Amino acid sequence: MNPSRAIAIAAALVCLLLPAASAGAAEPPPASTRLVYAPGKIVPIPASIPHEPGDMVDKRILPDLRWIAKRYPLYVTDGYSGPLPNGTHVGCDECHVKDSDHYNGLAVDIVPLEPSSRCDSHWTAITELALWAEPEQNKPVPPFRWIGYDGDAGHGCGNHLHLSWNHSPVAQFQLAEWVEVFPVGPAEGETAPRGKRVPKAKAPPAKAGPTGPAGGISQVKFGGLSPRGTGD
């Protein structure tokens, strides 16, 4: 086990011992959501959320992701995948299907904190998280747009869990205008009234490819494999 992962596991286990953290797995999904219109930005995932070194996401989902990580012993293996303004590339290169939400920083791939490539007891909490976010196949609970797990090609127990957040239609590698989140942590800027559902909107015409990070057109309803056999 590499040192960074060992540190992440130790930190997460400490969090799980805290009453506020250990009591969360049985909590029902949040009763309402909100739309965050504050400008997005691709930022590093903080140490409080166990993750592979270098993983990044849109900062607007960090409160949700931090809340989830306090309640489930997870490890993020990939977040944003794409170019940064300085020209460097982060995330898994050519691992995701076209139009994946990974390309705008609004999706994460998750495995157990204690690694295991078999569907064993290490995956119990991840399975609980998947069922919490999607109690019925292909009917995720808001604010999630798509959940990739058992029943979805390239995902599932022993492989990985994919979580995507709802957001406005946006071209690949562009930041979304708004992101739907559940009400935890401080607001990240101007939001729609709590409880307001995602509006129906048509995707705008695609713009020229940018040199910096942001999103991906998120019109794919279900998961699947890329030609290379990798997941969403």
Protein backbone atom coordinates (compact mmCIF):
# COMPACT_ATOMS: atom_id res chain seq x y z
CA MET A 1 0.00 0.00 0.00
CA ASN A 2 1.41 3.40 -0.93
CA PRO A 3 2.04 5.92 1.89
CA SER A 4 -0.57 8.43 0.70
CA ARG A 5 -3.30 5.82 0.73
CA ALA A 6 -2.22 4.56 4.15
CA ILE A 7 -2.50 8.11 5.50
CA ALA A 8 -5.93 8.53 3.87
CA ILE A 9 -7.18 5.29 5.41
CA ALA A 10 -5.91 6.26 8.87
CA ALA A 11 -7.55 9.70 8.64
CA ALA A 12 -10.85 8.26 7.46
CA LEU A 13 -10.92 5.65 10.22
CA VAL A 14 -10.51 8.43 12.78
CA CYS A 15 -13.48 10.24 11.22
CA LEU A 16 -15.60 7.09 11.33
CA LEU A 17 -15.07 6.90 15.10
CA LEU A 18 -16.75 10.28 15.57
CA PRO A 19 -20.47 10.06 16.47
CA ALA A 20 -21.55 12.49 13.76
CA ALA A 21 -19.78 10.45 11.12
CA SER A 22 -20.67 6.95 12.21
CA ALA A 23 -24.37 7.68 12.46
CA GLY A 24 -24.81 8.84 8.87
CA ALA A 25 -25.01 5.65 6.84
CA ALA A 26 -28.63 5.04 7.86
CA GLU A 27 -29.76 8.58 7.10
CA PRO A 28 -32.40 9.01 4.39
CA PRO A 29 -31.56 11.01 1.25
CA PRO A 30 -31.82 14.79 1.72
CA ALA A 31 -35.40 15.98 1.37
CA SER A 32 -34.55 18.95 -0.84
CA THR A 33 -31.90 20.17 -3.20
CA ARG A 34 -30.71 23.53 -4.50
CA LEU A 35 -29.14 24.83 -7.67
CA VAL A 36 -25.76 26.51 -7.23
CA TYR A 37 -25.12 29.26 -9.75
CA ALA A 38 -21.84 30.48 -8.29
CA PRO A 39 -18.94 30.23 -10.77
CA GLY A 40 -17.37 26.79 -10.84
CA LYS A 41 -13.71 25.98 -10.59
CA ILE A 42 -11.72 22.76 -10.84
CA VAL A 43 -9.90 22.35 -7.52
CA PRO A 44 -7.94 19.59 -5.75
CA ILE A 45 -9.95 17.23 -3.58
CA PRO A 46 -9.04 18.03 0.05
CA ALA A 47 -7.29 15.60 2.39
CA SER A 48 -10.53 15.15 4.37
CA ILE A 49 -11.85 13.09 1.43
CA PRO A 50 -9.66 10.01 0.80
CA HIS A 51 -8.52 10.11 -2.82
CA GLU A 52 -5.74 9.35 -5.24
CA PRO A 53 -3.09 12.09 -5.36
CA GLY A 54 -3.89 14.73 -7.95
CA ASP A 55 -7.64 14.08 -8.15
CA MET A 56 -9.74 17.22 -8.72
CA VAL A 57 -13.45 18.15 -8.99
CA ASP A 58 -15.66 21.19 -9.49
CA LYS A 59 -15.58 22.95 -6.13
CA ARG A 60 -19.39 23.20 -6.05
CA ILE A 61 -19.78 19.48 -5.27
CA LEU A 62 -17.16 19.42 -2.51
CA PRO A 63 -19.65 19.98 0.37
CA ASP A 64 -21.71 17.01 -0.84
CA LEU A 65 -18.65 14.85 -1.41
CA ARG A 66 -17.22 15.72 2.01
CA TRP A 67 -20.57 14.92 3.66
CA ILE A 68 -20.68 11.52 1.91
CA ALA A 69 -17.05 10.70 2.76
CA LYS A 70 -17.74 11.30 6.48
CA ARG A 71 -20.44 8.65 6.39
CA TYR A 72 -19.03 5.99 4.08
CA PRO A 73 -15.45 4.62 4.12
CA LEU A 74 -14.65 5.41 0.50
CA TYR A 75 -11.68 6.24 -1.69
CA VAL A 76 -12.00 8.43 -4.80
CA THR A 77 -10.04 7.02 -7.72
CA ASP A 78 -10.94 9.68 -10.30
CA GLY A 79 -12.73 13.00 -10.51
CA TYR A 80 -12.22 15.62 -13.20
CA SER A 81 -10.52 14.28 -16.30
CA GLY A 82 -9.22 16.80 -18.79
CA PRO A 83 -6.94 19.79 -19.42
CA LEU A 84 -6.08 22.54 -16.97
CA PRO A 85 -5.41 26.18 -17.97
CA ASN A 86 -1.65 25.58 -17.74
CA GLY A 87 -1.90 22.87 -20.37
CA THR A 88 -1.41 19.88 -18.10
CA HIS A 89 -3.87 17.00 -18.01
CA VAL A 90 -5.38 15.55 -14.84
CA GLY A 91 -7.46 12.48 -14.21
CA CYS A 92 -7.63 9.21 -16.05
CA ASP A 93 -6.63 9.74 -19.66
CA GLU A 94 -9.08 8.21 -22.17
CA CYS A 95 -10.79 6.18 -19.45
CA HIS A 96 -14.31 7.57 -19.76
CA VAL A 97 -17.04 7.40 -22.35
CA LYS A 98 -17.76 10.39 -24.58
CA ASP A 99 -19.77 13.13 -22.84
CA SER A 100 -18.98 11.71 -19.40
CA ASP A 101 -19.58 14.06 -16.47
CA HIS A 102 -15.94 13.44 -15.52
CA TYR A 103 -15.09 15.91 -18.29
CA ASN A 104 -16.64 18.78 -16.33
CA GLY A 105 -15.57 17.78 -12.83
CA LEU A 106 -19.05 16.75 -11.73
CA ALA A 107 -18.50 13.01 -11.33
CA VAL A 108 -16.34 10.78 -9.16
CA ASP A 109 -15.37 7.12 -9.25
CA ILE A 110 -15.34 5.44 -5.85
CA VAL A 111 -13.97 2.21 -4.37
CA PRO A 112 -13.74 0.98 -0.75
CA LEU A 113 -11.27 2.68 1.55
CA GLU A 114 -9.85 -0.78 2.27
CA PRO A 115 -8.96 -1.94 -1.25
CA SER A 116 -10.41 -5.12 -2.69
CA SER A 117 -10.88 -6.24 -6.30
CA ARG A 118 -13.46 -8.85 -5.21
CA CYS A 119 -17.09 -8.24 -4.28
CA ASP A 120 -16.57 -8.95 -0.60
CA SER A 121 -17.28 -7.34 2.78
CA HIS A 122 -15.03 -4.38 1.93
CA TRP A 123 -17.70 -3.32 -0.57
CA THR A 124 -20.63 -3.38 1.88
CA ALA A 125 -20.53 0.37 2.59
CA ILE A 126 -20.06 1.23 -1.10
CA THR A 127 -23.09 -0.88 -1.98
CA GLU A 128 -25.08 0.91 0.75
CA LEU A 129 -23.99 4.25 -0.73
CA ALA A 130 -25.05 3.15 -4.21
CA LEU A 131 -28.47 2.10 -2.95
CA TRP A 132 -28.77 5.32 -0.95
CA ALA A 133 -28.15 7.37 -4.10
CA GLU A 134 -30.19 5.10 -6.40
CA PRO A 135 -32.79 3.01 -4.53
CA GLU A 136 -34.24 1.83 -7.86
CA GLN A 137 -32.20 1.06 -10.97
CA ASN A 138 -31.87 4.07 -13.29
CA LYS A 139 -33.88 6.28 -10.90
CA PRO A 140 -31.22 8.20 -8.94
CA VAL A 141 -32.18 10.44 -6.05
CA PRO A 142 -31.58 14.17 -6.70
CA PRO A 143 -29.10 15.77 -6.91
CA PHE A 144 -27.54 12.80 -8.71
CA ARG A 145 -27.88 12.51 -12.48
CA TRP A 146 -26.50 9.02 -13.01
CA ILE A 147 -25.27 6.25 -10.72
CA GLY A 148 -23.06 3.54 -12.17
CA TYR A 149 -23.01 0.34 -10.13
CA ASP A 150 -24.45 -3.19 -10.25
CA GLY A 151 -26.35 -3.67 -13.49
CA ASP A 152 -24.27 -1.08 -15.36
CA ALA A 153 -21.50 -2.29 -17.67
CA GLY A 154 -18.00 -1.58 -16.36
CA HIS A 155 -19.26 -0.71 -12.88
CA GLY A 156 -20.43 -2.48 -9.74
CA CYS A 157 -19.29 -4.32 -6.64
CA GLY A 158 -15.66 -5.35 -7.09
CA ASN A 159 -15.16 -2.70 -9.82
CA HIS A 160 -16.21 0.85 -8.88
CA LEU A 161 -19.15 3.14 -8.10
CA HIS A 162 -19.74 6.18 -10.30
CA LEU A 163 -21.60 9.24 -8.96
CA SER A 164 -22.67 12.11 -11.25
CA TRP A 165 -24.32 15.35 -10.16
CA ASN A 166 -27.12 17.06 -12.13
CA HIS A 167 -26.04 20.19 -13.96
CA SER A 168 -26.93 22.50 -16.82
CA PRO A 169 -26.20 21.35 -20.38
CA VAL A 170 -22.64 22.33 -21.22
CA ALA A 171 -19.99 21.58 -23.82
CA GLN A 172 -17.16 19.20 -22.99
CA PHE A 173 -14.40 20.74 -20.85
CA GLN A 174 -16.55 23.76 -20.00
CA LEU A 175 -17.84 24.61 -16.51
CA ALA A 176 -21.59 24.17 -16.05
CA GLU A 177 -23.72 27.26 -15.40
CA TRP A 178 -25.40 25.57 -12.44
CA VAL A 179 -25.00 22.41 -10.39
CA GLU A 180 -27.65 20.69 -8.27
CA VAL A 181 -26.53 19.78 -4.74
CA PHE A 182 -28.16 18.76 -1.50
CA PRO A 183 -28.21 21.30 1.36
CA VAL A 184 -25.13 20.50 3.42
CA GLY A 185 -22.32 22.85 4.37
CA PRO A 186 -22.14 26.55 3.53
CA ALA A 187 -23.60 27.84 0.29
CA GLU A 188 -21.10 28.29 -2.51
CA GLY A 189 -22.81 31.39 -3.89
CA GLU A 190 -26.17 32.41 -5.30
CA THR A 191 -28.63 29.52 -5.45
CA ALA A 192 -32.15 28.84 -6.56
CA PRO A 193 -34.74 28.41 -3.79
CA ARG A 194 -34.23 25.23 -1.82
CA GLY A 195 -36.32 22.39 -3.12
CA LYS A 196 -36.49 23.75 -6.67
CA ARG A 197 -36.04 20.98 -9.18
CA VAL A 198 -33.77 21.01 -12.21
CA PRO A 199 -35.35 22.93 -15.10
CA LYS A 200 -35.78 21.29 -18.46
CA ALA A 201 -33.34 22.81 -20.90
CA LYS A 202 -31.95 22.06 -24.30
CA ALA A 203 -28.22 21.78 -24.79
CA PRO A 204 -26.67 24.88 -26.35
CA PRO A 205 -24.57 24.57 -29.51
CA ALA A 206 -21.13 23.21 -28.74
CA LYS A 207 -18.39 25.80 -28.49
CA ALA A 208 -14.82 25.55 -29.66
CA GLY A 209 -12.65 23.38 -27.44
CA PRO A 210 -11.12 25.29 -24.50
CA THR A 211 -7.65 25.13 -23.03
CA GLY A 212 -8.90 24.90 -19.47
CA PRO A 213 -11.11 22.72 -17.32
CA ALA A 214 -14.76 22.40 -16.91
CA GLY A 215 -17.32 20.01 -18.07
CA GLY A 216 -18.91 17.74 -20.53
CA ILE A 217 -22.32 17.51 -22.14
CA SER A 218 -24.24 15.27 -19.77
CA GLN A 219 -26.98 13.84 -21.92
CA VAL A 220 -26.02 10.16 -21.52
CA LYS A 221 -28.71 8.56 -19.38
CA PHE A 222 -26.97 5.31 -18.64
CA GLY A 223 -23.49 3.93 -18.26
CA GLY A 224 -21.49 1.84 -20.62
CA LEU A 225 -18.07 1.04 -21.89
CA SER A 226 -15.83 3.03 -24.15
CA PRO A 227 -14.19 1.28 -27.11
CA ARG A 228 -11.24 0.63 -24.79
CA GLY A 229 -13.51 -1.21 -22.36
CA THR A 230 -13.35 1.34 -19.57
CA GLY A 231 -16.20 2.79 -17.56
CA ASP A 232 -18.09 6.05 -17.37
